[in-house]
Amino acid sequence: MEKTTHFGFKTVAESDKAQKVAEVFHSVAQKYDVMNDLMSAGLHRVWKHFTLTTSGVRRGDRVLDIAGGTGDLARGWAQRVGRDGEVWLTDINSSMLTVGRDRLLDAGMILPVALADAEKLPFPDNYFDCVSVAFGLRNMTHKEAALAEMCRVLKPGGKLLVLEFSKVWKPLSPLYDLYSFKALPLMGKLVADDADSYRYLAESIRMHPDQETLRRMMLDAGFGKADFHNLTGGVVALHKGYKF
C-alpha cells in the first residue's frame, strides 16, 4: 500500500502531493505578492522584517533561502551580507522562482538561483551560516527530511529560521476560521481567479504542526536547541533552530 499524506484537508498519495502543491503555486505565482498584501493587510512584510532583524546574520555570511518564492527574504539577506557574503534563492516551483529572480534583477541584484527540493538540497555539508524558509515548510511532504537537510547544510553554530503560519490564540480562532475559509477563497477568486488554491492554502495552515510540535521536530532533526516567538497572536510563529 502506498503511503498517504494530507493535501489541505484531503488525503492523497505521498507521490502525488508535490505535483498538487506545484499546481497551486504555478497558478498563484503572478498574483502572489498582491494576494499576500491583501490577505495579511501588509503584515507579512512586518513578519519578514522581524525575521531579518532578529536573525543575527552579518556581513560576509552565507545564507540559503528555501522556498524563497518571490524573493522578499533573499533581497533582505543580500542587503545584510553585502558583497562579501553569499545568498542563494531556491524554490521547488519554477514559476515562483522565475518571479523571484526577475524581481531581484529589477532591484539590481544578481543572486545565485536554484530549482531545488528542500528534502534533497544540492549543497555540501556545513556550508551555510543561516538557512531560512518562510511560508514554505507546511507545503513539504516530508517535513522531517527537509528539516534534517537544513541542519546538514548549516555550519556548526549556524541557525535555521522557519517563519510559518501556526496555531492562533484560542479566543481568536472563530474569527480567524471565518476569515480563512470564507474571505480568503473569495479574494482568491476576485483577484487571482483561483478560489481553490487559496482554499488549499487555508486548509494547509490547519494541518501544519503547532508551535511546540514543530519545535520538537527541529530537535529530532538534529538541532541542539530550538525555540519560537509568536507573532500577531500566533497567526504566525518564527522558529529558530541552532546547530551545535
C-alpha atoms as a PDB file:
ATOM      1  CA  MET A   1       0.000   0.000   0.000  1.00  0.00           C
ATOM      2  CA  GLU A   2       1.385   3.398  -0.974  1.00  0.00           C
ATOM      3  CA  LYS A   3       1.811   5.852   1.874  1.00  0.00           C
ATOM      4  CA  THR A   4      -0.617   8.758   2.071  1.00  0.00           C
ATOM      5  CA  THR A   5      -0.375  12.315   3.340  1.00  0.00           C
ATOM      6  CA  HIS A   6      -2.554  15.391   3.531  1.00  0.00           C
ATOM      7  CA  PHE A   7      -3.147  17.951   0.822  1.00  0.00           C
ATOM      8  CA  GLY A   8      -5.131  20.509   2.741  1.00  0.00           C
ATOM      9  CA  PHE A   9      -7.990  18.517   4.256  1.00  0.00           C
ATOM     10  CA  LYS A  10      -7.779  15.827   1.562  1.00  0.00           C
ATOM     11  CA  THR A  11      -5.794  12.602   1.817  1.00  0.00           C
ATOM     12  CA  VAL A  12      -3.591  11.901  -1.192  1.00  0.00           C
ATOM     13  CA  ALA A  13      -0.782   9.532  -2.118  1.00  0.00           C
ATOM     14  CA  GLU A  14       2.608  10.859  -0.988  1.00  0.00           C
ATOM     15  CA  SER A  15       3.860  10.606  -4.559  1.00  0.00           C
ATOM     16  CA  ASP A  16       1.066  12.931  -5.731  1.00  0.00           C
ATOM     17  CA  LYS A  17       1.392  15.737  -3.174  1.00  0.00           C
ATOM     18  CA  ALA A  18       4.378  17.535  -4.672  1.00  0.00           C
ATOM     19  CA  GLN A  19       2.643  17.789  -8.052  1.00  0.00           C
ATOM     20  CA  LYS A  20      -0.577  19.056  -6.491  1.00  0.00           C
ATOM     21  CA  VAL A  21       1.304  21.706  -4.491  1.00  0.00           C
ATOM     22  CA  ALA A  22       3.203  22.652  -7.654  1.00  0.00           C
ATOM     23  CA  GLU A  23      -0.081  23.225  -9.488  1.00  0.00           C
ATOM     24  CA  VAL A  24      -1.230  25.579  -6.723  1.00  0.00           C
ATOM     25  CA  PHE A  25       1.885  27.732  -6.907  1.00  0.00           C
ATOM     26  CA  HIS A  26       2.103  27.704 -10.697  1.00  0.00           C
ATOM     27  CA  SER A  27      -1.430  29.101 -10.595  1.00  0.00           C
ATOM     28  CA  VAL A  28      -0.847  31.836  -7.996  1.00  0.00           C
ATOM     29  CA  ALA A  29       2.732  32.915  -8.846  1.00  0.00           C
ATOM     30  CA  GLN A  30       1.882  36.051 -10.830  1.00  0.00           C
ATOM     31  CA  LYS A  31      -0.539  37.373  -8.195  1.00  0.00           C
ATOM     32  CA  TYR A  32       1.316  36.020  -5.171  1.00  0.00           C
ATOM     33  CA  ASP A  33       2.668  39.327  -3.849  1.00  0.00           C
ATOM     34  CA  VAL A  34      -0.592  41.198  -4.375  1.00  0.00           C
ATOM     35  CA  MET A  35      -2.518  38.474  -2.581  1.00  0.00           C
ATOM     36  CA  ASN A  36      -0.006  38.381   0.277  1.00  0.00           C
ATOM     37  CA  ASP A  37      -0.559  42.083   0.893  1.00  0.00           C
ATOM     38  CA  LEU A  38      -4.331  41.691   0.724  1.00  0.00           C
ATOM     39  CA  MET A  39      -4.548  38.525   2.843  1.00  0.00           C
ATOM     40  CA  SER A  40      -2.322  39.810   5.634  1.00  0.00           C
ATOM     41  CA  ALA A  41      -3.167  43.538   5.351  1.00  0.00           C
ATOM     42  CA  GLY A  42       0.550  44.025   4.727  1.00  0.00           C
ATOM     43  CA  LEU A  43       1.580  42.210   7.918  1.00  0.00           C
ATOM     44  CA  HIS A  44       3.667  39.651   6.018  1.00  0.00           C
ATOM     45  CA  ARG A  45       6.188  42.451   5.451  1.00  0.00           C
ATOM     46  CA  VAL A  46       6.371  43.073   9.222  1.00  0.00           C
ATOM     47  CA  TRP A  47       6.819  39.357   9.929  1.00  0.00           C
ATOM     48  CA  LYS A  48       9.635  39.095   7.374  1.00  0.00           C
ATOM     49  CA  HIS A  49      11.299  42.250   8.695  1.00  0.00           C
ATOM     50  CA  PHE A  50      11.240  40.746  12.196  1.00  0.00           C
ATOM     51  CA  THR A  51      12.860  37.598  10.836  1.00  0.00           C
ATOM     52  CA  LEU A  52      15.614  39.575   9.137  1.00  0.00           C
ATOM     53  CA  THR A  53      16.350  41.887  12.036  1.00  0.00           C
ATOM     54  CA  THR A  54      16.457  39.180  14.711  1.00  0.00           C
ATOM     55  CA  SER A  55      18.471  36.709  12.616  1.00  0.00           C
ATOM     56  CA  GLY A  56      21.954  37.710  13.686  1.00  0.00           C
ATOM     57  CA  VAL A  57      23.070  37.487  10.041  1.00  0.00           C
ATOM     58  CA  ARG A  58      26.180  39.597   9.436  1.00  0.00           C
ATOM     59  CA  ARG A  59      28.292  40.877   6.550  1.00  0.00           C
ATOM     60  CA  GLY A  60      30.127  38.083   4.789  1.00  0.00           C
ATOM     61  CA  ASP A  61      27.719  35.336   5.884  1.00  0.00           C
ATOM     62  CA  ARG A  62      26.375  32.619   3.606  1.00  0.00           C
ATOM     63  CA  VAL A  63      22.576  32.352   3.604  1.00  0.00           C
ATOM     64  CA  LEU A  64      20.272  29.821   1.943  1.00  0.00           C
ATOM     65  CA  ASP A  65      16.652  30.882   1.390  1.00  0.00           C
ATOM     66  CA  ILE A  66      14.480  27.795   0.826  1.00  0.00           C
ATOM     67  CA  ALA A  67      11.037  28.052  -0.796  1.00  0.00           C
ATOM     68  CA  GLY A  68      12.090  31.653  -1.340  1.00  0.00           C
ATOM     69  CA  GLY A  69       9.329  32.327  -3.835  1.00  0.00           C
ATOM     70  CA  THR A  70       9.237  35.917  -4.979  1.00  0.00           C
ATOM     71  CA  GLY A  71      12.465  36.834  -3.204  1.00  0.00           C
ATOM     72  CA  ASP A  72      11.449  39.031  -0.258  1.00  0.00           C
ATOM     73  CA  LEU A  73      13.799  37.395   2.240  1.00  0.00           C
ATOM     74  CA  ALA A  74      16.593  36.819  -0.277  1.00  0.00           C
ATOM     75  CA  ARG A  75      16.619  40.533  -1.014  1.00  0.00           C
ATOM     76  CA  GLY A  76      16.846  41.326   2.690  1.00  0.00           C
ATOM     77  CA  TRP A  77      19.622  38.785   3.227  1.00  0.00           C
ATOM     78  CA  ALA A  78      21.622  40.207   0.331  1.00  0.00           C
ATOM     79  CA  GLN A  79      21.447  43.676   1.859  1.00  0.00           C
ATOM     80  CA  ARG A  80      22.751  42.313   5.169  1.00  0.00           C
ATOM     81  CA  VAL A  81      25.593  40.097   3.979  1.00  0.00           C
ATOM     82  CA  GLY A  82      26.974  42.618   1.491  1.00  0.00           C
ATOM     83  CA  ARG A  83      29.307  41.877  -1.391  1.00  0.00           C
ATOM     84  CA  ASP A  84      31.477  39.579   0.703  1.00  0.00           C
ATOM     85  CA  GLY A  85      28.521  37.341   1.537  1.00  0.00           C
ATOM     86  CA  GLU A  86      26.589  34.768  -0.446  1.00  0.00           C
ATOM     87  CA  VAL A  87      22.814  34.369  -0.732  1.00  0.00           C
ATOM     88  CA  TRP A  88      21.063  31.580  -2.617  1.00  0.00           C
ATOM     89  CA  LEU A  89      17.406  31.875  -3.640  1.00  0.00           C
ATOM     90  CA  THR A  90      15.860  28.425  -4.072  1.00  0.00           C
ATOM     91  CA  ASP A  91      12.382  27.070  -4.667  1.00  0.00           C
ATOM     92  CA  ILE A  92      10.932  23.797  -5.922  1.00  0.00           C
ATOM     93  CA  ASN A  93       8.432  25.693  -8.095  1.00  0.00           C
ATOM     94  CA  SER A  94       9.786  27.132 -11.347  1.00  0.00           C
ATOM     95  CA  SER A  95       7.015  29.719 -11.715  1.00  0.00           C
ATOM     96  CA  MET A  96       7.631  31.169  -8.261  1.00  0.00           C
ATOM     97  CA  LEU A  97      11.402  31.076  -8.766  1.00  0.00           C
ATOM     98  CA  THR A  98      11.128  32.934 -12.071  1.00  0.00           C
ATOM     99  CA  VAL A  99       9.078  35.695 -10.464  1.00  0.00           C
ATOM    100  CA  GLY A 100      11.593  35.930  -7.610  1.00  0.00           C
ATOM    101  CA  ARG A 101      14.598  36.043  -9.935  1.00  0.00           C
ATOM    102  CA  ASP A 102      13.003  38.751 -12.076  1.00  0.00           C
ATOM    103  CA  ARG A 103      12.117  40.850  -9.029  1.00  0.00           C
ATOM    104  CA  LEU A 104      15.687  40.662  -7.773  1.00  0.00           C
ATOM    105  CA  LEU A 105      17.034  41.642 -11.188  1.00  0.00           C
ATOM    106  CA  ASP A 106      14.627  44.583 -11.281  1.00  0.00           C
ATOM    107  CA  ALA A 107      16.090  45.653  -7.932  1.00  0.00           C
ATOM    108  CA  GLY A 108      19.610  45.456  -9.357  1.00  0.00           C
ATOM    109  CA  MET A 109      20.525  42.257  -7.500  1.00  0.00           C
ATOM    110  CA  ILE A 110      22.159  39.308  -9.221  1.00  0.00           C
ATOM    111  CA  LEU A 111      21.972  36.338  -6.853  1.00  0.00           C
ATOM    112  CA  PRO A 112      22.520  32.624  -7.499  1.00  0.00           C
ATOM    113  CA  VAL A 113      19.168  30.910  -8.048  1.00  0.00           C
ATOM    114  CA  ALA A 114      18.448  27.180  -7.948  1.00  0.00           C
ATOM    115  CA  LEU A 115      15.420  24.999  -8.561  1.00  0.00           C
ATOM    116  CA  ALA A 116      15.767  22.767  -5.501  1.00  0.00           C
ATOM    117  CA  ASP A 117      13.801  20.267  -3.427  1.00  0.00           C
ATOM    118  CA  ALA A 118      14.217  21.040   0.279  1.00  0.00           C
ATOM    119  CA  GLU A 119      14.201  17.316   1.030  1.00  0.00           C
ATOM    120  CA  LYS A 120      17.301  16.811  -1.187  1.00  0.00           C
ATOM    121  CA  LEU A 121      19.321  20.013  -1.062  1.00  0.00           C
ATOM    122  CA  PRO A 122      22.136  20.253  -3.670  1.00  0.00           C
ATOM    123  CA  PHE A 123      24.625  21.833  -1.263  1.00  0.00           C
ATOM    124  CA  PRO A 124      27.567  20.458   0.742  1.00  0.00           C
ATOM    125  CA  ASP A 125      27.568  19.736   4.463  1.00  0.00           C
ATOM    126  CA  ASN A 126      28.375  22.546   6.908  1.00  0.00           C
ATOM    127  CA  TYR A 127      28.273  25.314   4.267  1.00  0.00           C
ATOM    128  CA  PHE A 128      25.756  27.991   5.331  1.00  0.00           C
ATOM    129  CA  ASP A 129      25.694  30.324   8.322  1.00  0.00           C
ATOM    130  CA  CYS A 130      21.913  30.672   8.100  1.00  0.00           C
ATOM    131  CA  VAL A 131      19.040  28.854   6.389  1.00  0.00           C
ATOM    132  CA  SER A 132      15.604  30.462   6.100  1.00  0.00           C
ATOM    133  CA  VAL A 133      12.216  29.190   4.968  1.00  0.00           C
ATOM    134  CA  ALA A 134       9.183  31.468   5.043  1.00  0.00           C
ATOM    135  CA  PHE A 135       5.687  30.076   4.496  1.00  0.00           C
ATOM    136  CA  GLY A 136       7.050  27.019   2.713  1.00  0.00           C
ATOM    137  CA  LEU A 137       7.598  24.273   5.270  1.00  0.00           C
ATOM    138  CA  ARG A 138       3.905  23.439   5.608  1.00  0.00           C
ATOM    139  CA  ASN A 139       3.736  22.517   1.905  1.00  0.00           C
ATOM    140  CA  MET A 140       6.550  19.963   2.105  1.00  0.00           C
ATOM    141  CA  THR A 141       5.605  16.287   2.025  1.00  0.00           C
ATOM    142  CA  HIS A 142       8.306  15.015   4.407  1.00  0.00           C
ATOM    143  CA  LYS A 143       8.945  17.867   6.809  1.00  0.00           C
ATOM    144  CA  GLU A 144      11.278  15.787   8.979  1.00  0.00           C
ATOM    145  CA  ALA A 145      13.517  15.031   5.988  1.00  0.00           C
ATOM    146  CA  ALA A 146      13.540  18.697   4.946  1.00  0.00           C
ATOM    147  CA  LEU A 147      14.482  19.854   8.444  1.00  0.00           C
ATOM    148  CA  ALA A 148      17.293  17.278   8.588  1.00  0.00           C
ATOM    149  CA  GLU A 149      18.619  18.539   5.244  1.00  0.00           C
ATOM    150  CA  MET A 150      18.537  22.128   6.501  1.00  0.00           C
ATOM    151  CA  CYS A 151      20.530  21.036   9.543  1.00  0.00           C
ATOM    152  CA  ARG A 152      23.031  19.169   7.361  1.00  0.00           C
ATOM    153  CA  VAL A 153      23.941  22.178   5.194  1.00  0.00           C
ATOM    154  CA  LEU A 154      24.353  24.510   8.183  1.00  0.00           C
ATOM    155  CA  LYS A 155      27.746  25.092   9.747  1.00  0.00           C
ATOM    156  CA  PRO A 156      28.135  24.230  13.430  1.00  0.00           C
ATOM    157  CA  GLY A 157      26.928  27.380  15.148  1.00  0.00           C
ATOM    158  CA  GLY A 158      24.567  28.086  12.251  1.00  0.00           C
ATOM    159  CA  LYS A 159      20.900  28.909  12.566  1.00  0.00           C
ATOM    160  CA  LEU A 160      17.651  27.830  10.887  1.00  0.00           C
ATOM    161  CA  LEU A 161      14.792  30.334  10.725  1.00  0.00           C
ATOM    162  CA  VAL A 162      11.306  28.991   9.990  1.00  0.00           C
ATOM    163  CA  LEU A 163       8.628  31.657   9.545  1.00  0.00           C
ATOM    164  CA  GLU A 164       5.274  29.922   9.192  1.00  0.00           C
ATOM    165  CA  PHE A 165       1.588  30.173   9.951  1.00  0.00           C
ATOM    166  CA  SER A 166       0.866  28.448  13.238  1.00  0.00           C
ATOM    167  CA  LYS A 167      -1.782  27.843  15.889  1.00  0.00           C
ATOM    168  CA  VAL A 168      -3.626  31.052  16.641  1.00  0.00           C
ATOM    169  CA  TRP A 169      -4.520  32.276  20.138  1.00  0.00           C
ATOM    170  CA  LYS A 170      -7.697  30.336  21.023  1.00  0.00           C
ATOM    171  CA  PRO A 171     -10.063  33.326  21.548  1.00  0.00           C
ATOM    172  CA  LEU A 172      -9.233  34.449  18.000  1.00  0.00           C
ATOM    173  CA  SER A 173      -9.982  31.059  16.425  1.00  0.00           C
ATOM    174  CA  PRO A 174     -13.659  31.585  15.439  1.00  0.00           C
ATOM    175  CA  LEU A 175     -12.940  34.885  13.678  1.00  0.00           C
ATOM    176  CA  TYR A 176      -9.767  33.513  12.117  1.00  0.00           C
ATOM    177  CA  ASP A 177     -11.634  30.463  10.778  1.00  0.00           C
ATOM    178  CA  LEU A 178     -14.338  32.651   9.285  1.00  0.00           C
ATOM    179  CA  TYR A 179     -11.735  34.805   7.576  1.00  0.00           C
ATOM    180  CA  SER A 180      -9.679  31.833   6.357  1.00  0.00           C
ATOM    181  CA  PHE A 181     -12.463  29.735   4.865  1.00  0.00           C
ATOM    182  CA  LYS A 182     -14.790  32.458   3.608  1.00  0.00           C
ATOM    183  CA  ALA A 183     -12.802  35.608   2.857  1.00  0.00           C
ATOM    184  CA  LEU A 184      -9.586  34.068   1.513  1.00  0.00           C
ATOM    185  CA  PRO A 185     -11.186  31.919  -1.222  1.00  0.00           C
ATOM    186  CA  LEU A 186     -13.347  34.893  -2.218  1.00  0.00           C
ATOM    187  CA  MET A 187     -10.289  37.149  -2.510  1.00  0.00           C
ATOM    188  CA  GLY A 188      -8.520  34.418  -4.449  1.00  0.00           C
ATOM    189  CA  LYS A 189     -11.406  34.234  -6.898  1.00  0.00           C
ATOM    190  CA  LEU A 190     -11.710  38.004  -7.349  1.00  0.00           C
ATOM    191  CA  VAL A 191      -8.001  38.856  -7.563  1.00  0.00           C
ATOM    192  CA  ALA A 192      -6.284  35.713  -8.855  1.00  0.00           C
ATOM    193  CA  ASP A 193      -9.282  33.964 -10.454  1.00  0.00           C
ATOM    194  CA  ASP A 194      -8.448  30.929  -8.307  1.00  0.00           C
ATOM    195  CA  ALA A 195     -10.557  30.232  -5.224  1.00  0.00           C
ATOM    196  CA  ASP A 196      -9.442  26.598  -4.916  1.00  0.00           C
ATOM    197  CA  SER A 197      -5.748  27.368  -4.455  1.00  0.00           C
ATOM    198  CA  TYR A 198      -6.471  29.788  -1.640  1.00  0.00           C
ATOM    199  CA  ARG A 199      -8.863  27.327  -0.037  1.00  0.00           C
ATOM    200  CA  TYR A 200      -5.989  24.813  -0.056  1.00  0.00           C
ATOM    201  CA  LEU A 201      -3.635  27.375   1.495  1.00  0.00           C
ATOM    202  CA  ALA A 202      -6.104  27.975   4.334  1.00  0.00           C
ATOM    203  CA  GLU A 203      -6.501  24.227   4.883  1.00  0.00           C
ATOM    204  CA  SER A 204      -2.739  23.632   4.800  1.00  0.00           C
ATOM    205  CA  ILE A 205      -2.304  26.059   7.700  1.00  0.00           C
ATOM    206  CA  ARG A 206      -4.676  23.996   9.842  1.00  0.00           C
ATOM    207  CA  MET A 207      -2.778  20.800   9.025  1.00  0.00           C
ATOM    208  CA  HIS A 208       0.630  22.244   9.915  1.00  0.00           C
ATOM    209  CA  PRO A 209       2.177  21.249  13.278  1.00  0.00           C
ATOM    210  CA  ASP A 210       1.582  23.660  16.144  1.00  0.00           C
ATOM    211  CA  GLN A 211       4.388  25.672  17.720  1.00  0.00           C
ATOM    212  CA  GLU A 212       5.593  23.131  20.269  1.00  0.00           C
ATOM    213  CA  THR A 213       5.293  20.178  17.884  1.00  0.00           C
ATOM    214  CA  LEU A 214       7.432  21.936  15.283  1.00  0.00           C
ATOM    215  CA  ARG A 215       9.986  22.864  17.944  1.00  0.00           C
ATOM    216  CA  ARG A 216      10.321  19.187  18.904  1.00  0.00           C
ATOM    217  CA  MET A 217      10.585  18.190  15.226  1.00  0.00           C
ATOM    218  CA  MET A 218      13.539  20.541  14.853  1.00  0.00           C
ATOM    219  CA  LEU A 219      15.276  18.947  17.820  1.00  0.00           C
ATOM    220  CA  ASP A 220      14.594  15.480  16.401  1.00  0.00           C
ATOM    221  CA  ALA A 221      16.088  16.611  13.068  1.00  0.00           C
ATOM    222  CA  GLY A 222      19.438  17.291  14.727  1.00  0.00           C
ATOM    223  CA  PHE A 223      19.298  20.819  16.075  1.00  0.00           C
ATOM    224  CA  GLY A 224      20.860  21.238  19.509  1.00  0.00           C
ATOM    225  CA  LYS A 225      18.389  23.922  20.545  1.00  0.00           C
ATOM    226  CA  ALA A 226      15.107  25.263  19.167  1.00  0.00           C
ATOM    227  CA  ASP A 227      12.695  27.949  20.286  1.00  0.00           C
ATOM    228  CA  PHE A 228       9.903  30.052  18.822  1.00  0.00           C
ATOM    229  CA  HIS A 229       8.340  33.502  19.037  1.00  0.00           C
ATOM    230  CA  ASN A 230       4.642  34.042  18.324  1.00  0.00           C
ATOM    231  CA  LEU A 231       3.639  36.963  16.120  1.00  0.00           C
ATOM    232  CA  THR A 232       0.169  38.515  15.783  1.00  0.00           C
ATOM    233  CA  GLY A 233      -1.452  36.260  18.370  1.00  0.00           C
ATOM    234  CA  GLY A 234       0.077  33.092  17.000  1.00  0.00           C
ATOM    235  CA  VAL A 235      -1.203  33.617  13.457  1.00  0.00           C
ATOM    236  CA  VAL A 236       2.481  33.269  12.587  1.00  0.00           C
ATOM    237  CA  ALA A 237       5.438  31.920  14.571  1.00  0.00           C
ATOM    238  CA  LEU A 238       9.150  32.334  13.980  1.00  0.00           C
ATOM    239  CA  HIS A 239      11.046  29.187  14.979  1.00  0.00           C
ATOM    240  CA  LYS A 240      14.803  29.274  15.417  1.00  0.00           C
ATOM    241  CA  GLY A 241      16.926  26.143  15.382  1.00  0.00           C
ATOM    242  CA  TYR A 242      20.588  26.187  16.410  1.00  0.00           C
ATOM    243  CA  LYS A 243      23.128  23.654  15.150  1.00  0.00           C
ATOM    244  CA  PHE A 244      25.749  22.749  17.746  1.00  0.00           C
END
